[in-house]
């Protein structure tokens, strides 16, 4: 009974982590403009993401523009795009593997070894997905914090942590938790 509860809980955590991974990948709020030094005139808010930049004017009008050229992007951004795309695909595959593993665990009782290998593979895939999400999210967060406190960076170029980073960190925690649950079987 406890095995079934842990499997279902791992499936829920993995599903939410999968959705969070997809959301963090497509959200433009990775880096958000910072308002410092008592600047109360905030007509525009700038968002920078993996795929586009957006400008919100007075919270009413939102203009987004996809990056023009893949070749003109900085190398870390290209790598982060690739890691997040691989993480999205791997999270979907691991979620489907977990569904099949849980489904056959409840239906069959004769082939425990085959089912446990299948669930172990789903757990390892969840763990790998969590690591793939953690790398670009944490790297970007560290870079934002370092640039924010660097006096050489001009005030208009300073950014704060965006919502996509928080979504990515929560997704990482859920995916690693789901992977740990499935690997413990």
Protein backbone atom coordinates (compact mmCIF):
# COMPACT_ATOMS: atom_id res chain seq x y z
CA UNK A 1 0.00 0.00 0.00
CA UNK A 2 2.79 2.43 0.91
CA UNK A 3 4.50 1.51 -2.37
CA UNK A 4 1.40 2.54 -4.32
CA UNK A 5 1.11 5.83 -2.46
CA UNK A 6 4.76 6.65 -3.11
CA UNK A 7 4.42 5.77 -6.78
CA UNK A 8 1.35 7.97 -7.22
CA UNK A 9 3.01 10.80 -5.26
CA UNK A 10 6.12 10.49 -7.43
CA UNK A 11 3.93 10.55 -10.52
CA UNK A 12 2.22 13.75 -9.35
CA UNK A 13 5.56 15.40 -8.48
CA UNK A 14 7.01 14.34 -11.82
CA UNK A 15 3.96 15.65 -13.71
CA UNK A 16 4.06 19.02 -11.98
CA UNK A 17 7.83 19.17 -12.52
CA UNK A 18 7.32 18.39 -16.21
CA UNK A 19 4.77 21.20 -16.59
CA UNK A 20 7.07 23.56 -14.66
CA UNK A 21 9.99 22.68 -16.90
CA UNK A 22 7.94 23.51 -19.98
CA UNK A 23 6.70 26.75 -18.39
CA UNK A 24 10.19 27.88 -17.37
CA UNK A 25 11.45 27.17 -20.87
CA UNK A 26 8.89 29.34 -22.64
CA UNK A 27 8.50 32.14 -20.05
CA UNK A 28 10.22 35.42 -20.97
CA UNK A 29 10.83 36.41 -17.32
CA UNK A 30 14.29 34.94 -16.78
CA UNK A 31 15.88 38.36 -16.21
CA UNK A 32 13.70 41.30 -15.15
CA UNK A 33 14.69 44.98 -15.05
CA UNK A 34 15.72 46.20 -11.60
CA UNK A 35 14.50 49.43 -10.03
CA UNK A 36 17.11 50.75 -7.66
CA UNK A 37 18.27 54.04 -6.13
CA UNK A 38 14.76 55.25 -5.37
CA UNK A 39 13.70 55.40 -9.00
CA UNK A 40 9.92 55.81 -8.77
CA UNK A 41 9.35 56.46 -12.45
CA UNK A 42 8.73 52.97 -13.76
CA UNK A 43 6.98 53.29 -17.09
CA UNK A 44 8.66 50.27 -18.62
CA UNK A 45 9.54 46.85 -17.36
CA UNK A 46 12.00 44.77 -19.37
CA UNK A 47 11.90 40.97 -19.43
CA UNK A 48 14.60 38.84 -20.99
CA UNK A 49 14.04 35.15 -21.66
CA UNK A 50 15.55 32.28 -23.61
CA UNK A 51 13.53 32.97 -26.74
CA UNK A 52 12.49 36.63 -26.62
CA UNK A 53 12.70 40.03 -24.96
CA UNK A 54 9.55 41.80 -23.80
CA UNK A 55 8.79 45.35 -22.71
CA UNK A 56 5.75 46.05 -20.56
CA UNK A 57 4.61 49.65 -20.60
CA UNK A 58 2.65 50.71 -17.51
CA UNK A 59 1.45 47.15 -17.11
CA UNK A 60 -1.04 47.75 -19.94
CA UNK A 61 0.83 47.15 -23.16
CA UNK A 62 3.20 44.24 -23.72
CA UNK A 63 5.53 44.07 -26.70
CA UNK A 64 7.62 40.97 -27.26
CA UNK A 65 10.23 40.33 -29.90
CA UNK A 66 11.86 37.00 -30.68
CA UNK A 67 15.62 37.06 -31.03
CA UNK A 68 16.50 37.79 -34.66
CA UNK A 69 19.35 35.40 -35.26
CA UNK A 70 20.46 32.23 -33.55
CA UNK A 71 24.02 32.98 -34.62
CA UNK A 72 24.01 36.37 -32.88
CA UNK A 73 23.09 34.94 -29.47
CA UNK A 74 25.66 34.62 -26.70
CA UNK A 75 26.99 31.07 -26.31
CA UNK A 76 25.61 30.56 -22.78
CA UNK A 77 22.11 31.43 -24.01
CA UNK A 78 22.42 28.92 -26.84
CA UNK A 79 23.55 26.26 -24.37
CA UNK A 80 20.73 27.09 -21.96
CA UNK A 81 18.19 26.81 -24.76
CA UNK A 82 19.54 23.40 -25.71
CA UNK A 83 19.60 22.15 -22.11
CA UNK A 84 16.05 23.29 -21.44
CA UNK A 85 14.73 21.74 -24.68
CA UNK A 86 16.42 18.44 -23.84
CA UNK A 87 14.99 18.69 -20.31
CA UNK A 88 11.45 19.21 -21.65
CA UNK A 89 11.70 16.17 -23.93
CA UNK A 90 13.30 14.04 -21.22
CA UNK A 91 10.68 15.08 -18.64
CA UNK A 92 7.89 14.00 -21.00
CA UNK A 93 9.60 10.67 -21.66
CA UNK A 94 10.24 10.03 -17.97
CA UNK A 95 6.65 10.96 -17.08
CA UNK A 96 5.31 8.52 -19.68
CA UNK A 97 7.69 5.82 -18.42
CA UNK A 98 6.48 6.44 -14.87
CA UNK A 99 2.83 6.18 -15.96
CA UNK A 100 3.47 2.86 -17.67
CA UNK A 101 5.49 1.58 -14.70
CA UNK A 102 2.81 2.51 -12.18
CA UNK A 103 0.07 1.09 -14.42
CA UNK A 104 1.77 -2.29 -14.80
CA UNK A 105 2.80 -2.42 -11.14
CA UNK A 106 -0.86 -2.42 -10.18
CA UNK A 107 -1.94 -4.86 -12.93
CA UNK A 108 0.69 -7.56 -12.90
CA UNK A 109 2.25 -9.35 -10.00
CA UNK A 110 4.30 -11.98 -11.83
CA UNK A 111 7.14 -9.93 -13.44
CA UNK A 112 8.43 -7.77 -10.60
CA UNK A 113 11.95 -7.50 -12.01
CA UNK A 114 10.88 -6.09 -15.39
CA UNK A 115 8.57 -3.57 -13.77
CA UNK A 116 11.15 -2.49 -11.19
CA UNK A 117 13.73 -1.89 -13.93
CA UNK A 118 11.16 0.20 -15.80
CA UNK A 119 10.39 2.28 -12.69
CA UNK A 120 14.11 2.64 -11.94
CA UNK A 121 14.66 3.96 -15.49
CA UNK A 122 11.88 6.52 -14.94
CA UNK A 123 13.51 7.56 -11.66
CA UNK A 124 16.91 8.02 -13.25
CA UNK A 125 15.32 9.99 -16.09
CA UNK A 126 13.56 12.28 -13.58
CA UNK A 127 16.85 12.83 -11.74
CA UNK A 128 18.67 13.64 -14.96
CA UNK A 129 15.89 16.03 -15.99
CA UNK A 130 16.13 17.82 -12.64
CA UNK A 131 19.87 18.27 -13.11
CA UNK A 132 19.39 19.53 -16.68
CA UNK A 133 16.90 22.14 -15.47
CA UNK A 134 19.02 23.16 -12.48
CA UNK A 135 22.12 24.01 -14.55
CA UNK A 136 20.77 26.89 -16.71
CA UNK A 137 18.43 28.20 -14.01
CA UNK A 138 21.09 28.34 -11.30
CA UNK A 139 23.77 29.63 -13.67
CA UNK A 140 21.50 32.47 -14.80
CA UNK A 141 20.52 33.27 -11.21
CA UNK A 142 24.16 33.40 -10.12
CA UNK A 143 25.07 35.62 -13.03
CA UNK A 144 22.20 38.03 -12.27
CA UNK A 145 23.22 38.29 -8.62
CA UNK A 146 26.90 38.80 -9.51
CA UNK A 147 26.06 41.55 -12.04
CA UNK A 148 23.61 43.22 -9.65
CA UNK A 149 26.31 43.79 -7.03
CA UNK A 150 29.06 44.61 -9.53
CA UNK A 151 29.71 48.40 -9.44
CA UNK A 152 31.10 48.26 -13.00
CA UNK A 153 27.70 47.29 -14.45
CA UNK A 154 25.66 50.43 -15.28
CA UNK A 155 22.36 50.86 -13.40
CA UNK A 156 20.10 50.49 -16.48
CA UNK A 157 21.69 47.10 -17.26
CA UNK A 158 21.17 45.61 -13.80
CA UNK A 159 18.56 42.86 -13.66
CA UNK A 160 16.70 40.91 -10.99
CA UNK A 161 15.67 37.28 -10.77
CA UNK A 162 12.59 36.62 -12.87
CA UNK A 163 9.63 34.35 -12.23
CA UNK A 164 10.90 31.71 -14.68
CA UNK A 165 13.92 31.08 -12.46
CA UNK A 166 11.72 30.38 -9.45
CA UNK A 167 9.52 28.09 -11.52
CA UNK A 168 12.68 26.31 -12.68
CA UNK A 169 13.98 25.83 -9.14
CA UNK A 170 10.65 24.44 -7.92
CA UNK A 171 10.52 22.15 -10.96
CA UNK A 172 14.04 20.96 -10.21
CA UNK A 173 13.10 20.12 -6.64
CA UNK A 174 9.97 18.25 -7.73
CA UNK A 175 11.77 16.30 -10.46
CA UNK A 176 14.61 15.29 -8.16
CA UNK A 177 12.12 14.28 -5.46
CA UNK A 178 10.14 12.18 -7.97
CA UNK A 179 13.32 10.60 -9.26
CA UNK A 180 14.46 9.77 -5.74
CA UNK A 181 11.08 8.20 -4.96
CA UNK A 182 11.19 6.00 -8.05
CA UNK A 183 14.84 5.04 -7.55
CA UNK A 184 14.07 3.93 -3.99
CA UNK A 185 11.77 1.12 -5.21
